[in-house]
Amino acid sequence: MARGLPLADPLQLQAKRVVVMKPSGKYRPKTALFDLDETLVHCLDRTETAAPDVVLPIRFPNGNIVHVTSTQAKMKIRPYCTECLTQISEVMELIVFTASQRSYADAVMNYIDPARTLIHHRLYRENCIVSDRVHIKDLRILANRSLKDVVLIDNAAYSYGYQIDNGIPIISWHDDPDDRELLYLTQYLKSLLTVDDVREVNQATFHLSTFYSDYSEEFLGKDRSKAK
C-alpha cells in the first residue's frame, strides 16, 4: 500500500468483492486490468478541437440517449489499442476496470470490442473503493485471484495505491497520433507471463513505492480538491 493513503473501509471492501469467472477456452495464468480513459481512449471535452475518431450515442439508465452532438460521445482511440488488446487477450485474462459510469464505459467498450472477444470482463465506478472522495481500484475486490498474478495498467497512479507493486504506469494520452505506449506495453506484459510474482518485476522496473510519495502530494491532493 502507498504511504499516506487512508486504509480502505473493510466493510466497503467486503461489499465490493466479486467472484470473476475465468474466460473459457485457453488457460491464461495472468490477469491484466486496463484503465479506459486516457489509457485506451480519450473523450473529447467542449474545449478540444481535435476531430474524433468516432462519435457514440450513450444510453443512460433512465433511457435517455446522448445524441451524436454530445461532447461526451466524441472519442479518440489510442494508437495500437486494438493490436494491444488482441495480443494480450490471447495470453492473459483481460479486464477493463474503469472509474467511469457503466453506461458510458459500455458504449466505448462495445465499440473497441464489438464482438466481445477481447475484453473478458468489465468493472466500473461502482466496483471502485471510495476513499476521501477518490475512486481507487482496489484489486482485493477480485475474490478469486492471487495478487501475484494480477497487474493494473492505469495513467493515474492513485488508482493502484492500495497495491502499488501491481501497478503499471502509462502516460496519459489525448490525441497524439505517434504515441507508441500500448505497443511497448504489449511487449512488457508478455514478459510477465512466465514470472512467479508480477509484483517483484514491477517493483524492480518502475520503483513506484519511491515515486508514489512525491506523486501523492502533488497529484492526488489536486484530485481530492476537485472532488470536493
Protein backbone atom coordinates (compact mmCIF):
# COMPACT_ATOMS: atom_id res chain seq x y z
CA MET A 1 0.00 0.00 0.00
CA ALA A 2 1.20 3.53 -0.80
CA ARG A 3 2.40 5.57 2.14
CA GLY A 4 -0.10 8.17 3.34
CA LEU A 5 -3.13 6.54 1.72
CA PRO A 6 -6.02 6.02 4.18
CA LEU A 7 -6.87 2.39 4.88
CA ALA A 8 -9.79 1.04 2.89
CA ASP A 9 -13.02 0.65 4.83
CA PRO A 10 -13.19 -3.13 5.43
CA LEU A 11 -16.99 -3.15 5.20
CA GLN A 12 -16.88 -1.32 1.87
CA LEU A 13 -14.19 -3.67 0.59
CA GLN A 14 -16.16 -6.75 1.61
CA ALA A 15 -19.29 -5.40 -0.09
CA LYS A 16 -17.36 -4.79 -3.32
CA ARG A 17 -15.77 -8.23 -3.60
CA VAL A 18 -16.70 -10.16 -6.73
CA VAL A 19 -16.05 -13.67 -7.98
CA VAL A 20 -14.95 -13.33 -11.60
CA MET A 21 -15.11 -16.47 -13.69
CA LYS A 22 -12.05 -17.26 -15.76
CA PRO A 23 -12.57 -16.88 -19.52
CA SER A 24 -13.45 -20.12 -21.24
CA GLY A 25 -11.09 -22.00 -23.50
CA LYS A 26 -7.35 -21.36 -23.34
CA TYR A 27 -5.76 -21.23 -19.88
CA ARG A 28 -4.47 -17.75 -19.05
CA PRO A 29 -2.43 -17.70 -15.81
CA LYS A 30 -2.07 -13.91 -15.52
CA THR A 31 -4.69 -11.16 -15.35
CA ALA A 32 -4.23 -7.69 -16.88
CA LEU A 33 -6.66 -4.97 -15.87
CA PHE A 34 -6.73 -1.92 -18.14
CA ASP A 35 -7.98 1.53 -17.28
CA LEU A 36 -10.14 3.09 -20.02
CA ASP A 37 -9.96 6.90 -20.22
CA GLU A 38 -6.56 8.35 -21.12
CA THR A 39 -5.16 4.80 -21.20
CA LEU A 40 -7.05 3.22 -24.12
CA VAL A 41 -9.22 6.12 -25.29
CA HIS A 42 -9.82 9.82 -24.74
CA CYS A 43 -13.22 11.50 -24.57
CA LEU A 44 -13.04 15.00 -26.04
CA ASP A 45 -14.46 17.80 -23.94
CA ARG A 46 -16.06 21.03 -25.13
CA THR A 47 -12.76 22.91 -25.29
CA GLU A 48 -10.97 20.43 -27.56
CA THR A 49 -10.99 20.93 -31.31
CA ALA A 50 -9.43 17.63 -32.42
CA ALA A 51 -11.56 15.58 -34.80
CA PRO A 52 -12.97 12.50 -33.06
CA ASP A 53 -12.30 9.02 -34.38
CA VAL A 54 -15.89 8.08 -33.58
CA VAL A 55 -18.99 9.70 -32.09
CA LEU A 56 -21.01 7.36 -29.92
CA PRO A 57 -24.56 7.67 -28.57
CA ILE A 58 -24.61 6.96 -24.83
CA ARG A 59 -27.75 5.47 -23.29
CA PHE A 60 -28.15 6.39 -19.63
CA PRO A 61 -30.07 4.27 -17.07
CA ASN A 62 -33.18 6.48 -17.35
CA GLY A 63 -33.44 5.56 -21.03
CA ASN A 64 -32.30 8.91 -22.37
CA ILE A 65 -29.77 8.90 -25.17
CA VAL A 66 -26.92 11.35 -25.52
CA HIS A 67 -27.03 12.01 -29.26
CA VAL A 68 -24.08 12.39 -31.59
CA THR A 69 -23.85 16.12 -30.94
CA SER A 70 -22.86 15.50 -27.30
CA THR A 71 -19.21 16.06 -26.44
CA GLN A 72 -19.42 13.09 -24.05
CA ALA A 73 -19.62 10.79 -27.04
CA LYS A 74 -16.73 12.16 -29.13
CA MET A 75 -13.94 9.62 -28.82
CA LYS A 76 -10.30 9.37 -29.80
CA ILE A 77 -8.86 5.85 -29.82
CA ARG A 78 -5.24 5.45 -28.72
CA PRO A 79 -2.85 4.11 -31.37
CA TYR A 80 -2.30 0.35 -31.16
CA CYS A 81 -5.33 -0.08 -28.90
CA THR A 82 -6.82 -2.93 -30.93
CA GLU A 83 -3.45 -4.55 -31.55
CA CYS A 84 -2.58 -4.48 -27.84
CA LEU A 85 -5.93 -5.85 -26.67
CA THR A 86 -5.91 -8.54 -29.34
CA GLN A 87 -2.46 -9.83 -28.47
CA ILE A 88 -2.86 -9.64 -24.71
CA SER A 89 -6.30 -11.26 -24.66
CA GLU A 90 -4.73 -14.32 -26.28
CA VAL A 91 -2.25 -14.87 -23.47
CA MET A 92 -3.77 -13.15 -20.41
CA GLU A 93 -7.16 -12.71 -18.87
CA LEU A 94 -8.07 -9.15 -19.90
CA ILE A 95 -10.34 -6.96 -17.77
CA VAL A 96 -11.18 -3.29 -18.25
CA PHE A 97 -11.51 -1.57 -14.87
CA THR A 98 -12.74 1.99 -15.22
CA ALA A 99 -13.85 4.63 -12.74
CA SER A 100 -16.35 5.83 -15.34
CA GLN A 101 -20.08 5.23 -15.24
CA ARG A 102 -21.27 1.90 -16.67
CA SER A 103 -23.46 3.39 -19.43
CA TYR A 104 -20.61 5.44 -20.89
CA ALA A 105 -17.98 2.73 -20.43
CA ASP A 106 -20.10 0.03 -22.05
CA ALA A 107 -20.69 2.17 -25.14
CA VAL A 108 -16.95 2.71 -25.54
CA MET A 109 -16.03 -0.93 -24.90
CA ASN A 110 -18.72 -2.13 -27.28
CA TYR A 111 -17.07 0.00 -29.95
CA ILE A 112 -13.47 -1.11 -29.37
CA ASP A 113 -14.51 -4.74 -28.85
CA PRO A 114 -17.73 -5.20 -30.84
CA ALA A 115 -17.57 -9.00 -30.85
CA ARG A 116 -16.83 -9.06 -27.09
CA THR A 117 -13.89 -11.41 -27.65
CA LEU A 118 -11.02 -9.22 -26.38
CA ILE A 119 -12.28 -7.83 -23.05
CA HIS A 120 -13.16 -10.83 -20.91
CA HIS A 121 -14.73 -8.88 -18.02
CA ARG A 122 -15.75 -5.32 -17.21
CA LEU A 123 -15.51 -3.45 -13.90
CA TYR A 124 -16.85 0.07 -13.34
CA ARG A 125 -17.03 3.01 -10.95
CA GLU A 126 -19.39 1.02 -8.75
CA ASN A 127 -16.58 -1.52 -8.24
CA CYS A 128 -14.08 1.10 -7.01
CA ILE A 129 -13.30 1.75 -3.37
CA VAL A 130 -14.11 5.35 -2.44
CA SER A 131 -11.50 6.86 -0.11
CA ASP A 132 -11.64 10.57 0.72
CA ARG A 133 -13.94 11.00 -2.33
CA VAL A 134 -11.34 9.45 -4.64
CA HIS A 135 -12.19 6.30 -6.61
CA ILE A 136 -9.45 3.70 -6.14
CA LYS A 137 -9.21 0.37 -7.93
CA ASP A 138 -8.52 -1.96 -5.03
CA LEU A 139 -7.54 -5.30 -6.55
CA ARG A 140 -8.65 -7.13 -3.42
CA ILE A 141 -12.20 -6.94 -4.76
CA LEU A 142 -11.21 -9.85 -7.02
CA ALA A 143 -12.16 -12.59 -4.57
CA ASN A 144 -10.73 -15.47 -6.61
CA ARG A 145 -7.47 -14.02 -7.96
CA SER A 146 -3.97 -14.10 -6.46
CA LEU A 147 -2.34 -10.66 -6.44
CA LYS A 148 0.94 -12.19 -7.57
CA ASP A 149 -0.72 -12.83 -10.94
CA VAL A 150 -2.52 -9.51 -11.43
CA VAL A 151 -1.45 -6.17 -12.93
CA LEU A 152 -3.35 -2.90 -13.36
CA ILE A 153 -2.40 -0.54 -16.19
CA ASP A 154 -3.53 2.99 -15.39
CA ASN A 155 -2.43 6.55 -16.15
CA ALA A 156 -3.49 7.67 -12.65
CA ALA A 157 -1.09 6.20 -10.07
CA TYR A 158 -3.53 6.62 -7.18
CA SER A 159 -5.77 4.06 -8.88
CA TYR A 160 -3.47 1.25 -7.73
CA GLY A 161 -2.43 2.96 -4.49
CA TYR A 162 -3.56 0.02 -2.35
CA GLN A 163 -1.43 -2.43 -4.35
CA ILE A 164 1.37 -0.23 -5.59
CA ASP A 165 3.55 -3.04 -6.94
CA ASN A 166 0.70 -4.44 -9.02
CA GLY A 167 0.54 -1.16 -10.92
CA ILE A 168 1.95 -0.48 -14.36
CA PRO A 169 2.07 3.26 -15.11
CA ILE A 170 1.27 4.56 -18.55
CA ILE A 171 1.49 8.12 -19.89
CA SER A 172 -1.89 9.85 -20.21
CA TRP A 173 -2.98 10.02 -23.83
CA HIS A 174 -5.22 12.58 -25.53
CA ASP A 175 -4.66 12.73 -29.29
CA ASP A 176 -1.00 12.13 -30.21
CA PRO A 177 -1.13 10.01 -33.40
CA ASP A 178 2.50 8.96 -32.97
CA ASP A 179 2.04 7.53 -29.47
CA ARG A 180 3.52 4.03 -29.11
CA GLU A 181 2.92 3.33 -25.41
CA LEU A 182 0.49 0.46 -26.00
CA LEU A 183 2.96 -1.13 -28.39
CA TYR A 184 5.69 -1.06 -25.71
CA LEU A 185 3.19 -2.19 -23.07
CA THR A 186 2.30 -5.28 -25.09
CA GLN A 187 5.89 -6.46 -25.01
CA TYR A 188 6.24 -5.77 -21.29
CA LEU A 189 3.08 -7.67 -20.41
CA LYS A 190 4.25 -10.67 -22.42
CA SER A 191 7.48 -10.66 -20.40
CA LEU A 192 5.42 -11.26 -17.23
CA LEU A 193 3.85 -14.48 -18.46
CA THR A 194 6.50 -16.78 -17.01
CA VAL A 195 7.34 -14.97 -13.75
CA ASP A 196 6.14 -16.31 -10.42
CA ASP A 197 5.21 -12.91 -8.94
CA VAL A 198 4.49 -9.92 -11.19
CA ARG A 199 4.92 -7.56 -8.24
CA GLU A 200 8.62 -8.31 -7.98
CA VAL A 201 9.20 -7.46 -11.64
CA ASN A 202 7.07 -4.31 -11.47
CA GLN A 203 8.89 -3.13 -8.36
CA ALA A 204 12.29 -3.62 -9.97
CA THR A 205 11.15 -1.95 -13.21
CA PHE A 206 9.13 1.05 -12.05
CA HIS A 207 10.19 1.74 -8.43
CA LEU A 208 6.69 3.01 -7.72
CA SER A 209 6.99 2.81 -3.96
CA THR A 210 9.53 5.64 -4.08
CA PHE A 211 7.72 7.57 -6.79
CA TYR A 212 4.34 7.48 -5.09
CA SER A 213 5.24 9.58 -2.04
CA ASP A 214 6.01 12.57 -4.28
CA TYR A 215 3.13 11.85 -6.65
CA SER A 216 0.50 11.59 -3.92
CA GLU A 217 1.27 15.02 -2.53
CA GLU A 218 1.32 16.78 -5.88
CA PHE A 219 -1.38 14.99 -7.89
CA LEU A 220 -3.60 13.05 -5.50
CA GLY A 221 -4.06 16.21 -3.45
CA LYS A 222 -5.26 18.04 -6.56
CA ASP A 223 -7.74 15.29 -7.45
CA ARG A 224 -9.14 15.29 -3.93
CA SER A 225 -9.62 19.05 -4.12
CA LYS A 226 -11.53 18.67 -7.39
CA ALA A 227 -13.79 16.04 -5.84
CA LYS A 228 -14.91 18.33 -3.03
